[in-house]
């Protein structure tokens, strides 16, 4: 869908805070799945870089994404940011379909 917004965030958590950060992320993601405009919200842990996580979100629209930021469960993200060993990298993206449409986009 052309109005959808994809967010790709990569974070690196301090070694001593990985379990705590994972619990926070799990709670935020589970709550986000219940939001009206949430199409996908996934968490990935890097196998080749300890403490690195990627979050891929797909929102129905920019308005839904903006509403997401004001949800009460998003307050926990501020606590998780204190556990990062470096600033997060966040990309606000739109899909570019390449090849097989079923496999070329999220």
C-alpha atoms as a PDB file:
ATOM      1  CA  UNK A   1       0.000   0.000   0.000  1.00  0.00           C
ATOM      2  CA  UNK A   2       1.464   3.367  -0.961  1.00  0.00           C
ATOM      3  CA  UNK A   3       0.456   5.160   2.262  1.00  0.00           C
ATOM      4  CA  UNK A   4       2.147   2.614   4.528  1.00  0.00           C
ATOM      5  CA  UNK A   5       5.193   3.675   6.514  1.00  0.00           C
ATOM      6  CA  UNK A   6       7.971   1.255   7.416  1.00  0.00           C
ATOM      7  CA  UNK A   7      10.234   1.995  10.367  1.00  0.00           C
ATOM      8  CA  UNK A   8      13.549   0.186  10.667  1.00  0.00           C
ATOM      9  CA  UNK A   9      15.339   0.774  13.963  1.00  0.00           C
ATOM     10  CA  UNK A  10      18.652  -0.730  14.997  1.00  0.00           C
ATOM     11  CA  UNK A  11      19.804  -0.512  18.598  1.00  0.00           C
ATOM     12  CA  UNK A  12      22.813  -1.822  20.491  1.00  0.00           C
ATOM     13  CA  UNK A  13      22.233  -2.590  24.158  1.00  0.00           C
ATOM     14  CA  UNK A  14      24.913  -2.651  26.853  1.00  0.00           C
ATOM     15  CA  UNK A  15      25.828  -6.264  27.756  1.00  0.00           C
ATOM     16  CA  UNK A  16      24.607  -5.984  31.338  1.00  0.00           C
ATOM     17  CA  UNK A  17      21.197  -4.635  30.237  1.00  0.00           C
ATOM     18  CA  UNK A  18      20.285  -7.035  27.416  1.00  0.00           C
ATOM     19  CA  UNK A  19      17.748  -9.130  29.339  1.00  0.00           C
ATOM     20  CA  UNK A  20      16.052  -6.070  30.847  1.00  0.00           C
ATOM     21  CA  UNK A  21      15.922  -4.278  27.486  1.00  0.00           C
ATOM     22  CA  UNK A  22      14.464  -7.369  25.819  1.00  0.00           C
ATOM     23  CA  UNK A  23      11.637  -7.496  28.387  1.00  0.00           C
ATOM     24  CA  UNK A  24      10.824  -3.829  27.745  1.00  0.00           C
ATOM     25  CA  UNK A  25      10.864  -4.313  23.976  1.00  0.00           C
ATOM     26  CA  UNK A  26       8.661  -7.404  24.257  1.00  0.00           C
ATOM     27  CA  UNK A  27       6.078  -5.427  26.255  1.00  0.00           C
ATOM     28  CA  UNK A  28       6.095  -2.462  23.888  1.00  0.00           C
ATOM     29  CA  UNK A  29       5.781  -4.666  20.821  1.00  0.00           C
ATOM     30  CA  UNK A  30       2.986  -6.792  22.281  1.00  0.00           C
ATOM     31  CA  UNK A  31       1.025  -3.641  23.186  1.00  0.00           C
ATOM     32  CA  UNK A  32       1.723  -2.097  19.769  1.00  0.00           C
ATOM     33  CA  UNK A  33       0.244  -5.146  18.019  1.00  0.00           C
ATOM     34  CA  UNK A  34      -3.119  -4.067  19.456  1.00  0.00           C
ATOM     35  CA  UNK A  35      -2.988  -0.611  17.888  1.00  0.00           C
ATOM     36  CA  UNK A  36      -5.440   0.072  15.057  1.00  0.00           C
ATOM     37  CA  UNK A  37      -2.854   1.039  12.427  1.00  0.00           C
ATOM     38  CA  UNK A  38      -0.174  -1.556  13.230  1.00  0.00           C
ATOM     39  CA  UNK A  39       0.373  -3.831  10.228  1.00  0.00           C
ATOM     40  CA  UNK A  40       3.599  -5.473  11.448  1.00  0.00           C
ATOM     41  CA  UNK A  41       5.951  -4.919  14.378  1.00  0.00           C
ATOM     42  CA  UNK A  42       8.814  -7.394  14.582  1.00  0.00           C
ATOM     43  CA  UNK A  43      11.929  -7.801  16.709  1.00  0.00           C
ATOM     44  CA  UNK A  44      15.153  -9.398  15.505  1.00  0.00           C
ATOM     45  CA  UNK A  45      18.293 -10.199  17.532  1.00  0.00           C
ATOM     46  CA  UNK A  46      21.605 -10.150  15.648  1.00  0.00           C
ATOM     47  CA  UNK A  47      23.479 -13.439  15.620  1.00  0.00           C
ATOM     48  CA  UNK A  48      26.773 -11.830  14.674  1.00  0.00           C
ATOM     49  CA  UNK A  49      26.784  -8.792  16.999  1.00  0.00           C
ATOM     50  CA  UNK A  50      26.012  -9.240  20.707  1.00  0.00           C
ATOM     51  CA  UNK A  51      23.439  -6.794  22.044  1.00  0.00           C
ATOM     52  CA  UNK A  52      22.256  -5.650  18.610  1.00  0.00           C
ATOM     53  CA  UNK A  53      18.538  -5.683  17.883  1.00  0.00           C
ATOM     54  CA  UNK A  54      16.547  -4.588  14.835  1.00  0.00           C
ATOM     55  CA  UNK A  55      12.924  -3.586  14.965  1.00  0.00           C
ATOM     56  CA  UNK A  56      10.911  -3.512  11.741  1.00  0.00           C
ATOM     57  CA  UNK A  57       7.489  -1.863  11.916  1.00  0.00           C
ATOM     58  CA  UNK A  58       4.899  -1.337   9.213  1.00  0.00           C
ATOM     59  CA  UNK A  59       2.138   1.202   9.862  1.00  0.00           C
ATOM     60  CA  UNK A  60      -0.990   1.738   7.793  1.00  0.00           C
ATOM     61  CA  UNK A  61      -0.257   5.490   7.531  1.00  0.00           C
ATOM     62  CA  UNK A  62       1.917   8.312   8.821  1.00  0.00           C
ATOM     63  CA  UNK A  63      -0.996   9.368  11.045  1.00  0.00           C
ATOM     64  CA  UNK A  64      -1.109   5.908  12.642  1.00  0.00           C
ATOM     65  CA  UNK A  65       2.636   6.034  13.264  1.00  0.00           C
ATOM     66  CA  UNK A  66       2.345   9.459  14.892  1.00  0.00           C
ATOM     67  CA  UNK A  67      -0.517   8.223  17.098  1.00  0.00           C
ATOM     68  CA  UNK A  68       1.677   5.258  18.102  1.00  0.00           C
ATOM     69  CA  UNK A  69       4.307   7.594  19.559  1.00  0.00           C
ATOM     70  CA  UNK A  70       1.751   9.020  22.001  1.00  0.00           C
ATOM     71  CA  UNK A  71       0.509   5.644  23.286  1.00  0.00           C
ATOM     72  CA  UNK A  72       1.111   5.086  27.043  1.00  0.00           C
ATOM     73  CA  UNK A  73       3.173   1.923  26.463  1.00  0.00           C
ATOM     74  CA  UNK A  74       5.708   3.943  24.459  1.00  0.00           C
ATOM     75  CA  UNK A  75       6.915   5.620  27.685  1.00  0.00           C
ATOM     76  CA  UNK A  76       8.885   2.431  28.402  1.00  0.00           C
ATOM     77  CA  UNK A  77      11.055   3.123  25.342  1.00  0.00           C
ATOM     78  CA  UNK A  78      12.688   6.052  27.167  1.00  0.00           C
ATOM     79  CA  UNK A  79      13.882   3.618  29.834  1.00  0.00           C
ATOM     80  CA  UNK A  80      15.225   1.238  27.188  1.00  0.00           C
ATOM     81  CA  UNK A  81      17.156   4.068  25.498  1.00  0.00           C
ATOM     82  CA  UNK A  82      19.161   4.510  28.710  1.00  0.00           C
ATOM     83  CA  UNK A  83      20.470   0.958  28.197  1.00  0.00           C
ATOM     84  CA  UNK A  84      21.917   1.620  24.748  1.00  0.00           C
ATOM     85  CA  UNK A  85      25.655   1.609  24.179  1.00  0.00           C
ATOM     86  CA  UNK A  86      25.281   3.949  21.183  1.00  0.00           C
ATOM     87  CA  UNK A  87      22.539   6.123  19.664  1.00  0.00           C
ATOM     88  CA  UNK A  88      19.805   4.218  17.819  1.00  0.00           C
ATOM     89  CA  UNK A  89      19.642   4.271  14.038  1.00  0.00           C
ATOM     90  CA  UNK A  90      16.092   4.850  12.843  1.00  0.00           C
ATOM     91  CA  UNK A  91      14.945   4.927   9.216  1.00  0.00           C
ATOM     92  CA  UNK A  92      11.445   5.981   8.157  1.00  0.00           C
ATOM     93  CA  UNK A  93      10.995   4.176   4.868  1.00  0.00           C
ATOM     94  CA  UNK A  94       8.617   3.267   2.104  1.00  0.00           C
ATOM     95  CA  UNK A  95       8.721  -0.105   0.362  1.00  0.00           C
ATOM     96  CA  UNK A  96      10.315  -0.479  -3.034  1.00  0.00           C
ATOM     97  CA  UNK A  97       8.938  -3.659  -4.561  1.00  0.00           C
ATOM     98  CA  UNK A  98      11.587  -5.660  -6.382  1.00  0.00           C
ATOM     99  CA  UNK A  99      11.107  -9.044  -7.989  1.00  0.00           C
ATOM    100  CA  UNK A 100       8.333 -11.252  -6.607  1.00  0.00           C
ATOM    101  CA  UNK A 101       5.813  -8.886  -4.903  1.00  0.00           C
ATOM    102  CA  UNK A 102       5.094 -11.459  -2.186  1.00  0.00           C
ATOM    103  CA  UNK A 103       8.784 -11.746  -1.302  1.00  0.00           C
ATOM    104  CA  UNK A 104      10.065  -8.313  -2.259  1.00  0.00           C
ATOM    105  CA  UNK A 105       8.232  -6.274   0.408  1.00  0.00           C
ATOM    106  CA  UNK A 106       7.190  -6.643   4.042  1.00  0.00           C
END
